[in-house]
Amino acid sequence: MKFPSREIVERVRREYPAGTRVELVRMEDVQAPPIGTKGTVTGVDDTASVMVAWDNGSHLHVIYGEDEARKIEEDD
C-alpha cells in the first residue's frame, strides 16, 4: 500500500474534523457496519483514514482510497 502524501492527510483532516457526522457508503470488510450506518468522526490518522465511532458501536476506520463515507447534516 502506498501511503498518501502529507498534503492529502492534511486535506482529509480539514474536510473531516472531529465531530463531523458521516454515513457509510462503501466498505470492503467482512466486519463492516451495514451501508447507511451513521457515525461521528473522532479523527484522521497518518494514512488519511477517517476514524469513526459508528452509531452501532463499531470503530472501523474509513480507509483512504478504499472505503467511502459521506458527510451528513444532523437532519439528514
C-alpha atoms as a PDB file:
ATOM      1  CA  MET A   1       0.000   0.000   0.000  1.00  0.00           C
ATOM      2  CA  LYS A   2       1.299   3.428  -0.934  1.00  0.00           C
ATOM      3  CA  PHE A   3       0.798   5.960   1.828  1.00  0.00           C
ATOM      4  CA  PRO A   4      -0.836   9.276   0.912  1.00  0.00           C
ATOM      5  CA  SER A   5       1.225  12.448   0.957  1.00  0.00           C
ATOM      6  CA  ARG A   6       1.260  14.812   3.917  1.00  0.00           C
ATOM      7  CA  GLU A   7      -0.811  17.248   1.815  1.00  0.00           C
ATOM      8  CA  ILE A   8      -3.539  14.646   1.291  1.00  0.00           C
ATOM      9  CA  VAL A   9      -3.578  13.768   5.001  1.00  0.00           C
ATOM     10  CA  GLU A  10      -3.947  17.442   5.928  1.00  0.00           C
ATOM     11  CA  ARG A  11      -6.712  17.948   3.333  1.00  0.00           C
ATOM     12  CA  VAL A  12      -8.674  14.987   4.721  1.00  0.00           C
ATOM     13  CA  ARG A  13      -8.188  16.307   8.272  1.00  0.00           C
ATOM     14  CA  ARG A  14      -9.623  19.687   7.220  1.00  0.00           C
ATOM     15  CA  GLU A  15     -12.541  18.019   5.430  1.00  0.00           C
ATOM     16  CA  TYR A  16     -13.405  15.632   8.290  1.00  0.00           C
ATOM     17  CA  PRO A  17     -12.674  17.329  11.623  1.00  0.00           C
ATOM     18  CA  ALA A  18     -13.591  15.519  14.839  1.00  0.00           C
ATOM     19  CA  GLY A  19     -17.319  15.733  15.451  1.00  0.00           C
ATOM     20  CA  THR A  20     -18.309  15.570  11.777  1.00  0.00           C
ATOM     21  CA  ARG A  21     -21.261  13.270  11.161  1.00  0.00           C
ATOM     22  CA  VAL A  22     -20.865  10.744   8.326  1.00  0.00           C
ATOM     23  CA  GLU A  23     -22.836   7.966   6.667  1.00  0.00           C
ATOM     24  CA  LEU A  24     -21.203   4.818   5.327  1.00  0.00           C
ATOM     25  CA  VAL A  25     -21.443   4.481   1.540  1.00  0.00           C
ATOM     26  CA  ARG A  26     -18.988   1.622   0.835  1.00  0.00           C
ATOM     27  CA  MET A  27     -16.635  -0.521   2.912  1.00  0.00           C
ATOM     28  CA  GLU A  28     -14.939  -3.731   1.797  1.00  0.00           C
ATOM     29  CA  ASP A  29     -14.598  -5.508   5.142  1.00  0.00           C
ATOM     30  CA  VAL A  30     -16.449  -8.570   6.450  1.00  0.00           C
ATOM     31  CA  GLN A  31     -16.927  -6.770   9.767  1.00  0.00           C
ATOM     32  CA  ALA A  32     -18.122  -3.522   8.156  1.00  0.00           C
ATOM     33  CA  PRO A  33     -21.202  -1.830   9.543  1.00  0.00           C
ATOM     34  CA  PRO A  34     -24.201  -2.011   7.196  1.00  0.00           C
ATOM     35  CA  ILE A  35     -24.240   0.526   4.360  1.00  0.00           C
ATOM     36  CA  GLY A  36     -26.113   3.612   5.555  1.00  0.00           C
ATOM     37  CA  THR A  37     -24.824   3.346   9.133  1.00  0.00           C
ATOM     38  CA  LYS A  38     -24.128   6.779  10.593  1.00  0.00           C
ATOM     39  CA  GLY A  39     -21.305   7.772  12.886  1.00  0.00           C
ATOM     40  CA  THR A  40     -19.174  10.565  14.303  1.00  0.00           C
ATOM     41  CA  VAL A  41     -15.615  11.276  13.179  1.00  0.00           C
ATOM     42  CA  THR A  42     -13.097  11.040  16.020  1.00  0.00           C
ATOM     43  CA  GLY A  43     -10.049  11.968  13.933  1.00  0.00           C
ATOM     44  CA  VAL A  44      -7.935  11.234  10.884  1.00  0.00           C
ATOM     45  CA  ASP A  45      -4.806   9.085  11.190  1.00  0.00           C
ATOM     46  CA  ASP A  46      -1.441   9.462   9.428  1.00  0.00           C
ATOM     47  CA  THR A  47      -2.640   7.322   6.484  1.00  0.00           C
ATOM     48  CA  ALA A  48      -5.603   9.688   5.861  1.00  0.00           C
ATOM     49  CA  SER A  49      -8.051   7.074   7.150  1.00  0.00           C
ATOM     50  CA  VAL A  50     -11.065   8.613   8.858  1.00  0.00           C
ATOM     51  CA  MET A  51     -11.585   7.225  12.358  1.00  0.00           C
ATOM     52  CA  VAL A  52     -15.301   6.888  13.114  1.00  0.00           C
ATOM     53  CA  ALA A  53     -17.332   5.947  16.163  1.00  0.00           C
ATOM     54  CA  TRP A  54     -20.232   4.299  14.343  1.00  0.00           C
ATOM     55  CA  ASP A  55     -23.672   4.568  15.933  1.00  0.00           C
ATOM     56  CA  ASN A  56     -23.905   0.744  16.059  1.00  0.00           C
ATOM     57  CA  GLY A  57     -20.807   0.541  18.300  1.00  0.00           C
ATOM     58  CA  SER A  58     -18.237  -0.300  15.609  1.00  0.00           C
ATOM     59  CA  HIS A  59     -14.998   1.669  15.345  1.00  0.00           C
ATOM     60  CA  LEU A  60     -13.691   0.558  11.936  1.00  0.00           C
ATOM     61  CA  HIS A  61     -11.825   3.279  10.036  1.00  0.00           C
ATOM     62  CA  VAL A  62     -12.880   4.528   6.618  1.00  0.00           C
ATOM     63  CA  ILE A  63      -9.721   3.614   4.696  1.00  0.00           C
ATOM     64  CA  TYR A  64      -8.478   6.337   2.348  1.00  0.00           C
ATOM     65  CA  GLY A  65      -8.788   5.264  -1.292  1.00  0.00           C
ATOM     66  CA  GLU A  66     -10.706   2.074  -0.425  1.00  0.00           C
ATOM     67  CA  ASP A  67     -13.853   2.855   1.549  1.00  0.00           C
ATOM     68  CA  GLU A  68     -16.321   5.706   1.232  1.00  0.00           C
ATOM     69  CA  ALA A  69     -18.397   7.760   3.639  1.00  0.00           C
ATOM     70  CA  ARG A  70     -20.242  10.986   3.048  1.00  0.00           C
ATOM     71  CA  LYS A  71     -20.685  13.958   5.346  1.00  0.00           C
ATOM     72  CA  ILE A  72     -24.220  14.445   6.580  1.00  0.00           C
ATOM     73  CA  GLU A  73     -26.118  17.142   8.387  1.00  0.00           C
ATOM     74  CA  GLU A  74     -27.853  16.191  11.627  1.00  0.00           C
ATOM     75  CA  ASP A  75     -31.279  16.475   9.960  1.00  0.00           C
ATOM     76  CA  ASP A  76     -30.358  14.063   7.111  1.00  0.00           C
END
